[in-house]
């Protein structure tokens, strides 16, 4: 009987930790905008100005724009 109680406690604890949103709806809107631009062929990368064709790169650009605008987005992962 004690094992069932302990297992149910772990499940509720896991739910509580994941209840907060990591990304704001406004941040997902900026990512959506960048994805649409990429699909139309209008999205260019920053320095080189080349056309972006990779969806992952479009998402990264959208998140970067959201961070610059001060929207709720987790910090970018550290390189290295």
PDB file of N, CA and C in Angstrom:
ATOM      1  N   UNK A   1       0.805  -1.197   0.000  1.00  0.00           N
ATOM      2  CA  UNK A   1       0.000   0.000   0.000  1.00  0.00           C
ATOM      3  C   UNK A   1       0.849   1.262   0.000  1.00  0.00           C
ATOM      4  N   UNK A   2       1.967   1.261   0.651  1.00  0.00           N
ATOM      5  CA  UNK A   2       2.796   2.468   0.693  1.00  0.00           C
ATOM      6  C   UNK A   2       3.444   2.751  -0.652  1.00  0.00           C
ATOM      7  N   UNK A   3       3.679   1.715  -1.445  1.00  0.00           N
ATOM      8  CA  UNK A   3       4.296   1.949  -2.752  1.00  0.00           C
ATOM      9  C   UNK A   3       3.352   2.693  -3.692  1.00  0.00           C
ATOM     10  N   UNK A   4       2.059   2.415  -3.634  1.00  0.00           N
ATOM     11  CA  UNK A   4       1.104   3.135  -4.481  1.00  0.00           C
ATOM     12  C   UNK A   4       1.040   4.604  -4.092  1.00  0.00           C
ATOM     13  N   UNK A   5       1.077   4.854  -2.809  1.00  0.00           N
ATOM     14  CA  UNK A   5       1.005   6.242  -2.342  1.00  0.00           C
ATOM     15  C   UNK A   5       2.242   7.022  -2.781  1.00  0.00           C
ATOM     16  N   UNK A   6       3.391   6.401  -2.698  1.00  0.00           N
ATOM     17  CA  UNK A   6       4.629   7.068  -3.106  1.00  0.00           C
ATOM     18  C   UNK A   6       4.638   7.324  -4.613  1.00  0.00           C
ATOM     19  N   UNK A   7       4.118   6.376  -5.380  1.00  0.00           N
ATOM     20  CA  UNK A   7       4.093   6.537  -6.832  1.00  0.00           C
ATOM     21  C   UNK A   7       3.159   7.672  -7.238  1.00  0.00           C
ATOM     22  N   UNK A   8       2.004   7.774  -6.578  1.00  0.00           N
ATOM     23  CA  UNK A   8       1.076   8.844  -6.930  1.00  0.00           C
ATOM     24  C   UNK A   8       1.631  10.206  -6.529  1.00  0.00           C
ATOM     25  N   UNK A   9       2.415  10.273  -5.474  1.00  0.00           N
ATOM     26  CA  UNK A   9       3.031  11.533  -5.059  1.00  0.00           C
ATOM     27  C   UNK A   9       4.033  12.001  -6.102  1.00  0.00           C
ATOM     28  N   UNK A  10       4.797  11.089  -6.674  1.00  0.00           N
ATOM     29  CA  UNK A  10       5.775  11.448  -7.700  1.00  0.00           C
ATOM     30  C   UNK A  10       5.088  12.002  -8.942  1.00  0.00           C
ATOM     31  N   UNK A  11       3.957  11.420  -9.322  1.00  0.00           N
ATOM     32  CA  UNK A  11       3.250  11.882 -10.509  1.00  0.00           C
ATOM     33  C   UNK A  11       2.746  13.306 -10.330  1.00  0.00           C
ATOM     34  N   UNK A  12       2.181  13.607  -9.174  1.00  0.00           N
ATOM     35  CA  UNK A  12       1.660  14.959  -8.955  1.00  0.00           C
ATOM     36  C   UNK A  12       2.791  15.969  -8.889  1.00  0.00           C
ATOM     37  N   UNK A  13       3.916  15.574  -8.343  1.00  0.00           N
ATOM     38  CA  UNK A  13       5.053  16.485  -8.284  1.00  0.00           C
ATOM     39  C   UNK A  13       5.573  16.792  -9.687  1.00  0.00           C
ATOM     40  N   UNK A  14       5.560  15.790 -10.560  1.00  0.00           N
ATOM     41  CA  UNK A  14       6.020  15.998 -11.930  1.00  0.00           C
ATOM     42  C   UNK A  14       5.072  16.933 -12.681  1.00  0.00           C
ATOM     43  N   UNK A  15       3.781  16.814 -12.442  1.00  0.00           N
ATOM     44  CA  UNK A  15       2.819  17.680 -13.108  1.00  0.00           C
ATOM     45  C   UNK A  15       2.982  19.125 -12.674  1.00  0.00           C
ATOM     46  N   UNK A  16       3.217  19.350 -11.406  1.00  0.00           N
ATOM     47  CA  UNK A  16       3.332  20.709 -10.897  1.00  0.00           C
ATOM     48  C   UNK A  16       4.530  21.437 -11.488  1.00  0.00           C
ATOM     49  N   UNK A  17       5.631  20.738 -11.675  1.00  0.00           N
ATOM     50  CA  UNK A  17       6.834  21.390 -12.183  1.00  0.00           C
ATOM     51  C   UNK A  17       6.697  21.791 -13.647  1.00  0.00           C
ATOM     52  N   UNK A  18       5.875  21.084 -14.413  1.00  0.00           N
ATOM     53  CA  UNK A  18       5.751  21.385 -15.834  1.00  0.00           C
ATOM     54  C   UNK A  18       4.536  22.271 -16.137  1.00  0.00           C
ATOM     55  N   UNK A  19       3.876  22.791 -15.110  1.00  0.00           N
ATOM     56  CA  UNK A  19       2.651  23.558 -15.344  1.00  0.00           C
ATOM     57  C   UNK A  19       2.935  24.967 -15.846  1.00  0.00           C
ATOM     58  N   UNK A  20       4.118  25.513 -15.597  1.00  0.00           N
ATOM     59  CA  UNK A  20       4.397  26.867 -16.064  1.00  0.00           C
ATOM     60  C   UNK A  20       4.840  26.845 -17.518  1.00  0.00           C
ATOM     61  N   UNK A  21       4.405  27.861 -18.272  1.00  0.00           N
ATOM     62  CA  UNK A  21       4.765  27.943 -19.686  1.00  0.00           C
ATOM     63  C   UNK A  21       6.198  28.429 -19.816  1.00  0.00           C
ATOM     64  N   UNK A  22       6.954  27.791 -20.704  1.00  0.00           N
ATOM     65  CA  UNK A  22       8.327  28.225 -20.943  1.00  0.00           C
ATOM     66  C   UNK A  22       8.361  29.362 -21.956  1.00  0.00           C
ATOM     67  N   UNK A  23       7.440  29.341 -22.897  1.00  0.00           N
ATOM     68  CA  UNK A  23       7.399  30.352 -23.953  1.00  0.00           C
ATOM     69  C   UNK A  23       6.063  31.075 -23.887  1.00  0.00           C
ATOM     70  N   UNK A  24       6.072  32.374 -24.054  1.00  0.00           N
ATOM     71  CA  UNK A  24       4.830  33.142 -24.044  1.00  0.00           C
ATOM     72  C   UNK A  24       4.112  32.961 -25.383  1.00  0.00           C
ATOM     73  N   UNK A  25       2.795  33.180 -25.412  1.00  0.00           N
ATOM     74  CA  UNK A  25       2.075  33.104 -26.692  1.00  0.00           C
ATOM     75  C   UNK A  25       2.612  34.121 -27.705  1.00  0.00           C
ATOM     76  N   UNK A  26       3.075  35.273 -27.227  1.00  0.00           N
ATOM     77  CA  UNK A  26       3.632  36.280 -28.133  1.00  0.00           C
ATOM     78  C   UNK A  26       4.920  35.772 -28.785  1.00  0.00           C
ATOM     79  N   UNK A  27       5.709  34.988 -28.025  1.00  0.00           N
ATOM     80  CA  UNK A  27       6.942  34.434 -28.583  1.00  0.00           C
ATOM     81  C   UNK A  27       6.621  33.410 -29.667  1.00  0.00           C
ATOM     82  N   UNK A  28       5.603  32.594 -29.438  1.00  0.00           N
ATOM     83  CA  UNK A  28       5.250  31.605 -30.458  1.00  0.00           C
ATOM     84  C   UNK A  28       4.675  32.285 -31.697  1.00  0.00           C
ATOM     85  N   UNK A  29       4.066  33.442 -31.512  1.00  0.00           N
ATOM     86  CA  UNK A  29       3.551  34.201 -32.653  1.00  0.00           C
ATOM     87  C   UNK A  29       4.701  34.700 -33.536  1.00  0.00           C
ATOM     88  N   UNK A  30       5.799  35.139 -32.900  1.00  0.00           N
ATOM     89  CA  UNK A  30       6.935  35.616 -33.696  1.00  0.00           C
ATOM     90  C   UNK A  30       7.602  34.456 -34.435  1.00  0.00           C
ATOM     91  N   UNK A  31       7.642  33.281 -33.817  1.00  0.00           N
ATOM     92  CA  UNK A  31       8.194  32.102 -34.490  1.00  0.00           C
ATOM     93  C   UNK A  31       7.300  31.732 -35.676  1.00  0.00           C
ATOM     94  N   UNK A  32       5.996  31.812 -35.475  1.00  0.00           N
ATOM     95  CA  UNK A  32       5.052  31.502 -36.557  1.00  0.00           C
ATOM     96  C   UNK A  32       5.245  32.461 -37.736  1.00  0.00           C
ATOM     97  N   UNK A  33       5.466  33.726 -37.438  1.00  0.00           N
ATOM     98  CA  UNK A  33       5.692  34.727 -38.483  1.00  0.00           C
ATOM     99  C   UNK A  33       6.943  34.408 -39.284  1.00  0.00           C
ATOM    100  N   UNK A  34       8.015  34.039 -38.594  1.00  0.00           N
ATOM    101  CA  UNK A  34       9.268  33.706 -39.276  1.00  0.00           C
ATOM    102  C   UNK A  34       9.125  32.441 -40.121  1.00  0.00           C
ATOM    103  N   UNK A  35       8.370  31.466 -39.630  1.00  0.00           N
ATOM    104  CA  UNK A  35       8.155  30.230 -40.402  1.00  0.00           C
ATOM    105  C   UNK A  35       7.393  30.534 -41.690  1.00  0.00           C
ATOM    106  N   UNK A  36       6.393  31.407 -41.605  1.00  0.00           N
ATOM    107  CA  UNK A  36       5.630  31.769 -42.801  1.00  0.00           C
ATOM    108  C   UNK A  36       6.524  32.481 -43.811  1.00  0.00           C
ATOM    109  N   UNK A  37       7.400  33.357 -43.312  1.00  0.00           N
ATOM    110  CA  UNK A  37       8.322  34.067 -44.198  1.00  0.00           C
ATOM    111  C   UNK A  37       9.282  33.089 -44.876  1.00  0.00           C
ATOM    112  N   UNK A  38       9.731  32.074 -44.116  1.00  0.00           N
ATOM    113  CA  UNK A  38      10.640  31.076 -44.693  1.00  0.00           C
ATOM    114  C   UNK A  38       9.932  30.285 -45.794  1.00  0.00           C
ATOM    115  N   UNK A  39       8.682  29.918 -45.545  1.00  0.00           N
ATOM    116  CA  UNK A  39       7.946  29.130 -46.536  1.00  0.00           C
ATOM    117  C   UNK A  39       7.683  29.928 -47.806  1.00  0.00           C
ATOM    118  N   UNK A  40       7.537  31.239 -47.661  1.00  0.00           N
ATOM    119  CA  UNK A  40       7.348  32.091 -48.836  1.00  0.00           C
ATOM    120  C   UNK A  40       8.660  32.369 -49.554  1.00  0.00           C
ATOM    121  N   UNK A  41       9.786  32.094 -48.877  1.00  0.00           N
ATOM    122  CA  UNK A  41      11.098  32.344 -49.466  1.00  0.00           C
ATOM    123  C   UNK A  41      11.591  33.760 -49.221  1.00  0.00           C
ATOM    124  N   UNK A  42      11.012  34.439 -48.233  1.00  0.00           N
ATOM    125  CA  UNK A  42      11.383  35.822 -47.953  1.00  0.00           C
ATOM    126  C   UNK A  42      12.308  35.977 -46.759  1.00  0.00           C
ATOM    127  N   UNK A  43      12.557  34.909 -46.005  1.00  0.00           N
ATOM    128  CA  UNK A  43      13.361  35.005 -44.794  1.00  0.00           C
ATOM    129  C   UNK A  43      14.845  34.943 -45.143  1.00  0.00           C
ATOM    130  N   UNK A  44      15.591  35.933 -44.703  1.00  0.00           N
ATOM    131  CA  UNK A  44      17.033  35.998 -44.946  1.00  0.00           C
ATOM    132  C   UNK A  44      17.769  35.889 -43.621  1.00  0.00           C
ATOM    133  N   UNK A  45      18.962  35.299 -43.666  1.00  0.00           N
ATOM    134  CA  UNK A  45      19.763  35.208 -42.453  1.00  0.00           C
ATOM    135  C   UNK A  45      20.437  36.553 -42.192  1.00  0.00           C
ATOM    136  N   UNK A  46      20.860  36.761 -40.971  1.00  0.00           N
ATOM    137  CA  UNK A  46      21.332  38.063 -40.530  1.00  0.00           C
ATOM    138  C   UNK A  46      22.484  38.667 -41.289  1.00  0.00           C
ATOM    139  N   UNK A  47      23.667  38.134 -41.124  1.00  0.00           N
ATOM    140  CA  UNK A  47      24.862  38.792 -41.644  1.00  0.00           C
ATOM    141  C   UNK A  47      25.057  38.579 -43.141  1.00  0.00           C
ATOM    142  N   UNK A  48      24.900  37.341 -43.574  1.00  0.00           N
ATOM    143  CA  UNK A  48      25.173  37.042 -44.982  1.00  0.00           C
ATOM    144  C   UNK A  48      24.015  37.424 -45.892  1.00  0.00           C
ATOM    145  N   UNK A  49      22.803  37.444 -45.366  1.00  0.00           N
ATOM    146  CA  UNK A  49      21.644  37.790 -46.175  1.00  0.00           C
ATOM    147  C   UNK A  49      21.177  36.673 -47.089  1.00  0.00           C
ATOM    148  N   UNK A  50      21.681  35.446 -46.847  1.00  0.00           N
ATOM    149  CA  UNK A  50      21.268  34.307 -47.666  1.00  0.00           C
ATOM    150  C   UNK A  50      19.859  33.860 -47.277  1.00  0.00           C
ATOM    151  N   UNK A  51      19.190  33.211 -48.218  1.00  0.00           N
ATOM    152  CA  UNK A  51      17.841  32.730 -47.978  1.00  0.00           C
ATOM    153  C   UNK A  51      17.871  31.565 -46.978  1.00  0.00           C
ATOM    154  N   UNK A  52      16.958  31.599 -46.008  1.00  0.00           N
ATOM    155  CA  UNK A  52      16.864  30.541 -45.004  1.00  0.00           C
ATOM    156  C   UNK A  52      15.928  29.463 -45.542  1.00  0.00           C
ATOM    157  N   UNK A  53      16.395  28.196 -45.552  1.00  0.00           N
ATOM    158  CA  UNK A  53      15.574  27.088 -46.021  1.00  0.00           C
ATOM    159  C   UNK A  53      15.362  26.041 -44.936  1.00  0.00           C
ATOM    160  N   UNK A  54      16.082  26.129 -43.835  1.00  0.00           N
ATOM    161  CA  UNK A  54      15.998  25.150 -42.759  1.00  0.00           C
ATOM    162  C   UNK A  54      14.976  25.613 -41.722  1.00  0.00           C
ATOM    163  N   UNK A  55      13.939  24.801 -41.427  1.00  0.00           N
ATOM    164  CA  UNK A  55      12.942  25.191 -40.436  1.00  0.00           C
ATOM    165  C   UNK A  55      13.524  25.454 -39.047  1.00  0.00           C
ATOM    166  N   UNK A  56      14.549  24.691 -38.660  1.00  0.00           N
ATOM    167  CA  UNK A  56      15.168  24.903 -37.348  1.00  0.00           C
ATOM    168  C   UNK A  56      15.808  26.281 -37.269  1.00  0.00           C
ATOM    169  N   UNK A  57      16.393  26.714 -38.363  1.00  0.00           N
ATOM    170  CA  UNK A  57      17.008  28.038 -38.394  1.00  0.00           C
ATOM    171  C   UNK A  57      15.937  29.122 -38.312  1.00  0.00           C
ATOM    172  N   UNK A  58      14.798  28.892 -38.948  1.00  0.00           N
ATOM    173  CA  UNK A  58      13.697  29.853 -38.893  1.00  0.00           C
ATOM    174  C   UNK A  58      13.169  29.977 -37.468  1.00  0.00           C
ATOM    175  N   UNK A  59      13.080  28.856 -36.759  1.00  0.00           N
ATOM    176  CA  UNK A  59      12.635  28.873 -35.361  1.00  0.00           C
ATOM    177  C   UNK A  59      13.632  29.644 -34.511  1.00  0.00           C
ATOM    178  N   UNK A  60      14.910  29.413 -34.735  1.00  0.00           N
ATOM    179  CA  UNK A  60      15.947  30.112 -33.977  1.00  0.00           C
ATOM    180  C   UNK A  60      15.882  31.615 -34.207  1.00  0.00           C
ATOM    181  N   UNK A  61      15.622  32.018 -35.439  1.00  0.00           N
ATOM    182  CA  UNK A  61      15.501  33.440 -35.747  1.00  0.00           C
ATOM    183  C   UNK A  61      14.288  34.031 -35.039  1.00  0.00           C
ATOM    184  N   UNK A  62      13.164  33.298 -35.056  1.00  0.00           N
ATOM    185  CA  UNK A  62      11.953  33.760 -34.386  1.00  0.00           C
ATOM    186  C   UNK A  62      12.144  33.917 -32.887  1.00  0.00           C
ATOM    187  N   UNK A  63      12.836  32.961 -32.261  1.00  0.00           N
ATOM    188  CA  UNK A  63      13.098  33.051 -30.816  1.00  0.00           C
ATOM    189  C   UNK A  63      14.044  34.195 -30.508  1.00  0.00           C
ATOM    190  N   UNK A  64      15.014  34.411 -31.369  1.00  0.00           N
ATOM    191  CA  UNK A  64      15.943  35.513 -31.180  1.00  0.00           C
ATOM    192  C   UNK A  64      15.217  36.855 -31.245  1.00  0.00           C
ATOM    193  N   UNK A  65      14.309  36.988 -32.216  1.00  0.00           N
ATOM    194  CA  UNK A  65      13.523  38.217 -32.340  1.00  0.00           C
ATOM    195  C   UNK A  65      12.666  38.425 -31.084  1.00  0.00           C
ATOM    196  N   UNK A  66      12.086  37.325 -30.569  1.00  0.00           N
ATOM    197  CA  UNK A  66      11.252  37.419 -29.369  1.00  0.00           C
ATOM    198  C   UNK A  66      12.078  37.852 -28.157  1.00  0.00           C
ATOM    199  N   UNK A  67      13.303  37.333 -28.047  1.00  0.00           N
ATOM    200  CA  UNK A  67      14.183  37.732 -26.932  1.00  0.00           C
ATOM    201  C   UNK A  67      14.513  39.219 -27.011  1.00  0.00           C
ATOM    202  N   UNK A  68      14.805  39.694 -28.230  1.00  0.00           N
ATOM    203  CA  UNK A  68      15.139  41.109 -28.415  1.00  0.00           C
ATOM    204  C   UNK A  68      13.959  42.003 -28.049  1.00  0.00           C
ATOM    205  N   UNK A  69      12.732  41.515 -28.320  1.00  0.00           N
ATOM    206  CA  UNK A  69      11.529  42.296 -28.025  1.00  0.00           C
ATOM    207  C   UNK A  69      11.128  42.210 -26.550  1.00  0.00           C
ATOM    208  N   UNK A  70      11.827  41.364 -25.783  1.00  0.00           N
ATOM    209  CA  UNK A  70      11.550  41.256 -24.349  1.00  0.00           C
ATOM    210  C   UNK A  70      10.417  40.317 -24.003  1.00  0.00           C
ATOM    211  N   UNK A  71      10.067  39.410 -24.903  1.00  0.00           N
ATOM    212  CA  UNK A  71       9.015  38.447 -24.627  1.00  0.00           C
ATOM    213  C   UNK A  71       9.549  37.314 -23.780  1.00  0.00           C
ATOM    214  N   UNK A  72       8.654  36.554 -23.153  1.00  0.00           N
ATOM    215  CA  UNK A  72       9.078  35.480 -22.247  1.00  0.00           C
ATOM    216  C   UNK A  72       9.591  34.285 -23.042  1.00  0.00           C
ATOM    217  N   UNK A  73      10.911  34.141 -23.063  1.00  0.00           N
ATOM    218  CA  UNK A  73      11.585  33.055 -23.762  1.00  0.00           C
ATOM    219  C   UNK A  73      12.767  32.637 -22.892  1.00  0.00           C
ATOM    220  N   UNK A  74      13.009  31.331 -22.695  1.00  0.00           N
ATOM    221  CA  UNK A  74      14.200  30.928 -21.935  1.00  0.00           C
ATOM    222  C   UNK A  74      15.471  31.396 -22.619  1.00  0.00           C
ATOM    223  N   UNK A  75      16.553  31.583 -21.858  1.00  0.00           N
ATOM    224  CA  UNK A  75      17.799  32.026 -22.494  1.00  0.00           C
ATOM    225  C   UNK A  75      18.335  30.996 -23.482  1.00  0.00           C
ATOM    226  N   UNK A  76      19.035  31.477 -24.487  1.00  0.00           N
ATOM    227  CA  UNK A  76      19.594  30.594 -25.505  1.00  0.00           C
ATOM    228  C   UNK A  76      20.627  29.673 -24.877  1.00  0.00           C
ATOM    229  N   UNK A  77      20.746  28.420 -25.367  1.00  0.00           N
ATOM    230  CA  UNK A  77      21.753  27.519 -24.810  1.00  0.00           C
ATOM    231  C   UNK A  77      23.151  28.020 -25.094  1.00  0.00           C
ATOM    232  N   UNK A  78      24.026  27.807 -24.143  1.00  0.00           N
ATOM    233  CA  UNK A  78      25.414  28.280 -24.279  1.00  0.00           C
ATOM    234  C   UNK A  78      26.166  27.388 -25.260  1.00  0.00           C
ATOM    235  N   UNK A  79      26.940  28.002 -26.103  1.00  0.00           N
ATOM    236  CA  UNK A  79      27.768  27.249 -27.060  1.00  0.00           C
ATOM    237  C   UNK A  79      29.076  26.869 -26.388  1.00  0.00           C
ATOM    238  N   UNK A  80      29.601  25.732 -26.814  1.00  0.00           N
ATOM    239  CA  UNK A  80      30.941  25.455 -26.359  1.00  0.00           C
ATOM    240  C   UNK A  80      31.120  24.161 -25.761  1.00  0.00           C
TER     241      UNK A  80
END
